[in-house]
C-alpha atoms as a PDB file:
ATOM      1  CA  ARG A   1      -9.491   2.627 -11.367  1.00  0.00           C
ATOM      2  CA  ARG A   2      -5.834   1.729 -11.176  1.00  0.00           C
ATOM      3  CA  ALA A   3      -3.361   4.465 -10.330  1.00  0.00           C
ATOM      4  CA  PRO A   4      -0.669   5.168 -12.901  1.00  0.00           C
ATOM      5  CA  VAL A   5       2.883   4.258 -11.997  1.00  0.00           C
ATOM      6  CA  PRO A   6       4.975   7.388 -11.498  1.00  0.00           C
ATOM      7  CA  GLU A   7       7.663   8.059 -14.064  1.00  0.00           C
ATOM      8  CA  GLY A   8      10.590   5.740 -13.417  1.00  0.00           C
ATOM      9  CA  GLY A   9       8.459   3.589 -11.091  1.00  0.00           C
ATOM     10  CA  ASP A  10       9.492   5.719  -8.096  1.00  0.00           C
ATOM     11  CA  TRP A  11       6.792   5.537  -5.385  1.00  0.00           C
ATOM     12  CA  SER A  12       8.917   7.243  -2.728  1.00  0.00           C
ATOM     13  CA  PRO A  13       7.181  10.009  -0.761  1.00  0.00           C
ATOM     14  CA  ALA A  14       9.416  12.628  -2.376  1.00  0.00           C
ATOM     15  CA  ALA A  15       8.346  11.539  -5.858  1.00  0.00           C
ATOM     16  CA  CYS A  16       4.602  11.411  -5.218  1.00  0.00           C
ATOM     17  CA  SER A  17       2.103  14.047  -4.313  1.00  0.00           C
ATOM     18  CA  VAL A  18      -0.058  13.335  -1.295  1.00  0.00           C
ATOM     19  CA  ALA A  19      -3.795  13.941  -1.152  1.00  0.00           C
ATOM     20  CA  GLU A  20      -5.872  14.288   1.975  1.00  0.00           C
ATOM     21  CA  LEU A  21      -7.716  11.041   2.634  1.00  0.00           C
ATOM     22  CA  SER A  22     -11.483  11.007   2.873  1.00  0.00           C
ATOM     23  CA  ASP A  23     -12.952   9.222   5.896  1.00  0.00           C
ATOM     24  CA  ARG A  24     -14.300   6.552   3.555  1.00  0.00           C
ATOM     25  CA  ARG A  25     -10.892   5.906   1.998  1.00  0.00           C
ATOM     26  CA  ARG A  26      -9.177   5.939   5.415  1.00  0.00           C
ATOM     27  CA  GLU A  27     -11.607   3.252   6.658  1.00  0.00           C
ATOM     28  CA  ALA A  28     -11.067   1.218   3.476  1.00  0.00           C
ATOM     29  CA  ILE A  29      -7.296   1.312   4.055  1.00  0.00           C
ATOM     30  CA  LYS A  30      -7.752   0.143   7.656  1.00  0.00           C
ATOM     31  CA  ALA A  31     -10.031  -2.686   6.512  1.00  0.00           C
ATOM     32  CA  ALA A  32      -7.566  -3.751   3.822  1.00  0.00           C
ATOM     33  CA  PHE A  33      -4.698  -3.805   6.320  1.00  0.00           C
ATOM     34  CA  ARG A  34      -6.746  -5.905   8.760  1.00  0.00           C
ATOM     35  CA  ARG A  35      -6.936  -8.563   6.035  1.00  0.00           C
ATOM     36  CA  ILE A  36      -3.157  -8.995   6.167  1.00  0.00           C
ATOM     37  CA  ASP A  37      -2.866  -8.247   9.922  1.00  0.00           C
ATOM     38  CA  PRO A  38      -5.819 -10.040  11.542  1.00  0.00           C
ATOM     39  CA  ALA A  39      -3.976 -10.135  14.905  1.00  0.00           C
ATOM     40  CA  MET A  40      -3.936  -6.289  14.805  1.00  0.00           C
ATOM     41  CA  ARG A  41      -0.216  -6.035  15.643  1.00  0.00           C
ATOM     42  CA  GLY A  42       0.244  -2.927  13.513  1.00  0.00           C
ATOM     43  CA  TRP A  43       2.494  -4.769  11.064  1.00  0.00           C
ATOM     44  CA  ALA A  44       2.313  -7.698   8.670  1.00  0.00           C
ATOM     45  CA  ALA A  45       5.021 -10.006   7.406  1.00  0.00           C
ATOM     46  CA  MET A  46       5.905  -9.396   3.766  1.00  0.00           C
ATOM     47  CA  GLN A  47       4.801 -12.959   2.982  1.00  0.00           C
ATOM     48  CA  ASP A  48       1.368 -12.319   4.566  1.00  0.00           C
ATOM     49  CA  ALA A  49       1.004  -9.189   2.453  1.00  0.00           C
ATOM     50  CA  LEU A  50       1.880 -11.150  -0.673  1.00  0.00           C
ATOM     51  CA  VAL A  51      -0.694 -13.824   0.177  1.00  0.00           C
ATOM     52  CA  GLY A  52      -3.254 -11.055   0.740  1.00  0.00           C
ATOM     53  CA  LEU A  53      -2.509  -9.505  -2.654  1.00  0.00           C
ATOM     54  CA  GLN A  54      -2.857 -12.900  -4.304  1.00  0.00           C
ATOM     55  CA  ARG A  55      -6.053 -13.774  -2.458  1.00  0.00           C
ATOM     56  CA  PHE A  56      -7.896 -10.469  -2.516  1.00  0.00           C
ATOM     57  CA  GLY A  57      -6.371  -8.626  -5.476  1.00  0.00           C
ATOM     58  CA  SER A  58      -6.432  -8.868  -9.231  1.00  0.00           C
ATOM     59  CA  LEU A  59      -2.850  -7.805  -9.907  1.00  0.00           C
ATOM     60  CA  THR A  60      -0.346  -9.756 -11.943  1.00  0.00           C
ATOM     61  CA  PRO A  61       2.641 -11.245 -10.072  1.00  0.00           C
ATOM     62  CA  ALA A  62       4.835  -8.433 -11.427  1.00  0.00           C
ATOM     63  CA  GLU A  63       2.368  -5.801 -10.202  1.00  0.00           C
ATOM     64  CA  GLN A  64       2.152  -7.507  -6.800  1.00  0.00           C
ATOM     65  CA  SER A  65       5.916  -7.346  -6.499  1.00  0.00           C
ATOM     66  CA  GLN A  66       5.896  -3.696  -7.537  1.00  0.00           C
ATOM     67  CA  VAL A  67       3.257  -2.824  -4.907  1.00  0.00           C
ATOM     68  CA  LEU A  68       5.111  -4.650  -2.118  1.00  0.00           C
ATOM     69  CA  HIS A  69       8.348  -2.949  -3.078  1.00  0.00           C
ATOM     70  CA  ALA A  70       6.644   0.444  -3.171  1.00  0.00           C
ATOM     71  CA  ILE A  71       5.087  -0.051   0.269  1.00  0.00           C
ATOM     72  CA  SER A  72       8.239  -1.378   1.898  1.00  0.00           C
ATOM     73  CA  SER A  73      10.563   1.173   0.274  1.00  0.00           C
ATOM     74  CA  GLY A  74       8.970   3.898   2.383  1.00  0.00           C
ATOM     75  CA  GLN A  75      10.087   2.148   5.570  1.00  0.00           C
ATOM     76  CA  GLY A  76      13.832   2.212   5.065  1.00  0.00           C
ATOM     77  CA  PRO A  77      16.253  -0.505   6.176  1.00  0.00           C
ATOM     78  CA  GLN A  78      14.483  -1.125   9.511  1.00  0.00           C
ATOM     79  CA  ALA A  79      11.593  -2.875   7.725  1.00  0.00           C
ATOM     80  CA  SER A  80      13.101  -6.369   8.204  1.00  0.00           C
ATOM     81  CA  GLY A  81      10.511  -8.211   6.113  1.00  0.00           C
ATOM     82  CA  ARG A  82       7.550  -6.407   7.662  1.00  0.00           C
ATOM     83  CA  ILE A  83       5.056  -3.884   6.417  1.00  0.00           C
ATOM     84  CA  THR A  84       3.789  -1.456   9.035  1.00  0.00           C
ATOM     85  CA  PHE A  85       0.338   0.052   8.955  1.00  0.00           C
ATOM     86  CA  THR A  86       1.961   3.481   8.696  1.00  0.00           C
ATOM     87  CA  ALA A  87       3.851   2.500   5.523  1.00  0.00           C
ATOM     88  CA  PHE A  88       0.763   0.740   4.112  1.00  0.00           C
ATOM     89  CA  ALA A  89      -1.436   3.797   4.703  1.00  0.00           C
ATOM     90  CA  ALA A  90       1.213   6.187   3.337  1.00  0.00           C
ATOM     91  CA  TYR A  91       1.444   4.151   0.130  1.00  0.00           C
ATOM     92  CA  TYR A  92      -2.312   4.254  -0.383  1.00  0.00           C
ATOM     93  CA  GLN A  93      -2.400   7.941   0.418  1.00  0.00           C
ATOM     94  CA  ARG A  94       0.152   8.519  -2.358  1.00  0.00           C
ATOM     95  CA  VAL A  95      -1.831   6.303  -4.731  1.00  0.00           C
ATOM     96  CA  GLY A  96      -5.032   8.091  -3.737  1.00  0.00           C
ATOM     97  CA  ALA A  97      -3.603  11.376  -4.962  1.00  0.00           C
ATOM     98  CA  SER A  98      -4.204  10.135  -8.517  1.00  0.00           C
ATOM     99  CA  ILE A  99      -7.794   8.983  -7.935  1.00  0.00           C
ATOM    100  CA  GLU A 100     -10.440  11.632  -8.451  1.00  0.00           C
ATOM    101  CA  PHE A 101     -13.524   9.939  -6.998  1.00  0.00           C
ATOM    102  CA  ASP A 102     -14.271   7.119  -4.553  1.00  0.00           C
ATOM    103  CA  ARG A 103     -17.074   4.772  -5.516  1.00  0.00           C
END
Protein backbone atom coordinates (compact mmCIF):
# COMPACT_ATOMS: atom_id res chain seq x y z
CA ARG A 1 0.00 0.00 0.00
CA ARG A 2 1.36 3.37 -1.01
CA ALA A 3 1.88 5.97 1.69
CA PRO A 4 -0.03 9.22 1.30
CA VAL A 5 1.96 12.33 0.54
CA PRO A 6 1.94 14.69 3.51
CA GLU A 7 0.04 17.93 3.09
CA GLY A 8 2.09 20.29 0.95
CA GLY A 9 4.38 17.44 -0.13
CA ASP A 10 6.70 18.10 2.82
CA TRP A 11 8.57 14.90 3.75
CA SER A 12 10.99 16.63 6.13
CA PRO A 13 11.48 14.93 9.50
CA ALA A 14 9.72 17.80 11.27
CA ALA A 15 6.61 17.35 9.12
CA CYS A 16 6.32 13.58 9.45
CA SER A 17 5.69 11.34 12.39
CA VAL A 18 8.15 8.51 12.89
CA ALA A 19 7.16 4.96 13.75
CA GLU A 20 9.40 2.34 15.27
CA LEU A 21 10.58 -0.05 12.57
CA SER A 22 9.88 -3.75 12.86
CA ASP A 23 12.85 -6.06 12.31
CA ARG A 24 11.23 -7.25 9.09
CA ARG A 25 10.85 -3.71 7.74
CA ARG A 26 14.39 -2.77 8.83
CA GLU A 27 15.78 -5.77 6.89
CA ALA A 28 13.65 -4.86 3.86
CA ILE A 29 15.08 -1.32 3.91
CA LYS A 30 18.63 -2.69 4.08
CA ALA A 31 17.92 -5.06 1.18
CA ALA A 32 16.41 -2.26 -0.90
CA PHE A 33 19.42 -0.02 -0.27
CA ARG A 34 21.81 -2.81 -1.28
CA ARG A 35 20.12 -2.80 -4.69
CA ILE A 36 21.31 0.77 -5.29
CA ASP A 37 24.58 0.36 -3.32
CA PRO A 38 25.90 -3.09 -4.26
CA ALA A 39 29.47 -2.03 -3.31
CA MET A 40 28.16 -1.43 0.25
CA ARG A 41 29.77 2.03 0.54
CA GLY A 42 26.94 3.37 2.70
CA TRP A 43 25.84 5.80 -0.01
CA ALA A 44 24.54 5.71 -3.56
CA ALA A 45 24.78 8.27 -6.33
CA MET A 46 21.47 9.98 -7.06
CA GLN A 47 21.62 8.57 -10.60
CA ASP A 48 22.02 5.01 -9.24
CA ALA A 49 19.00 5.55 -7.01
CA LEU A 50 16.97 6.78 -9.97
CA VAL A 51 17.97 3.73 -12.02
CA GLY A 52 16.97 1.53 -9.07
CA LEU A 53 13.55 3.19 -8.83
CA GLN A 54 13.04 2.72 -12.55
CA ARG A 55 14.22 -0.89 -12.54
CA PHE A 56 12.66 -2.19 -9.35
CA GLY A 57 9.74 0.17 -8.73
CA SER A 58 6.36 0.87 -10.24
CA LEU A 59 6.29 4.63 -9.70
CA THR A 60 5.67 7.21 -12.38
CA PRO A 61 8.59 9.49 -13.32
CA ALA A 62 7.00 12.29 -11.29
CA GLU A 63 6.67 10.02 -8.25
CA GLN A 64 10.27 8.85 -8.67
CA SER A 65 11.43 12.45 -8.65
CA GLN A 66 9.31 13.17 -5.58
CA VAL A 67 10.79 10.19 -3.70
CA LEU A 68 14.38 11.13 -4.57
CA HIS A 69 13.76 14.71 -3.51
CA ALA A 70 12.18 13.56 -0.26
CA ILE A 71 15.10 11.26 0.56
CA SER A 72 17.79 13.77 -0.33
CA SER A 73 16.07 16.73 1.36
CA GLY A 74 16.74 15.13 4.74
CA GLN A 75 20.49 15.28 4.12
CA GLY A 76 20.93 19.02 3.77
CA PRO A 77 23.41 20.74 1.45
CA GLN A 78 26.22 18.24 2.12
CA ALA A 79 24.43 15.57 0.05
CA SER A 80 26.35 16.43 -3.15
CA GLY A 81 24.38 14.11 -5.43
CA ARG A 82 24.50 11.17 -3.03
CA ILE A 83 21.94 9.38 -0.93
CA THR A 84 23.25 7.95 2.32
CA PHE A 85 21.85 4.84 3.93
CA THR A 86 20.92 6.96 6.95
CA ALA A 87 18.80 9.31 4.82
CA PHE A 88 17.30 6.38 2.89
CA ALA A 89 16.33 4.56 6.09
CA ALA A 90 14.97 7.75 7.70
CA TYR A 91 12.74 8.36 4.68
CA TYR A 92 11.31 4.85 4.83
CA GLN A 93 10.85 5.12 8.57
CA ARG A 94 8.75 8.26 8.00
CA VAL A 95 6.80 6.53 5.24
CA GLY A 96 6.35 3.48 7.45
CA ALA A 97 4.54 5.58 10.02
CA SER A 98 1.53 5.58 7.68
CA ILE A 99 1.54 1.82 7.03
CA GLU A 100 -0.43 -0.25 9.50
CA PHE A 101 0.68 -3.78 8.60
CA ASP A 102 3.63 -5.42 6.84
CA ARG A 103 2.80 -8.26 4.49
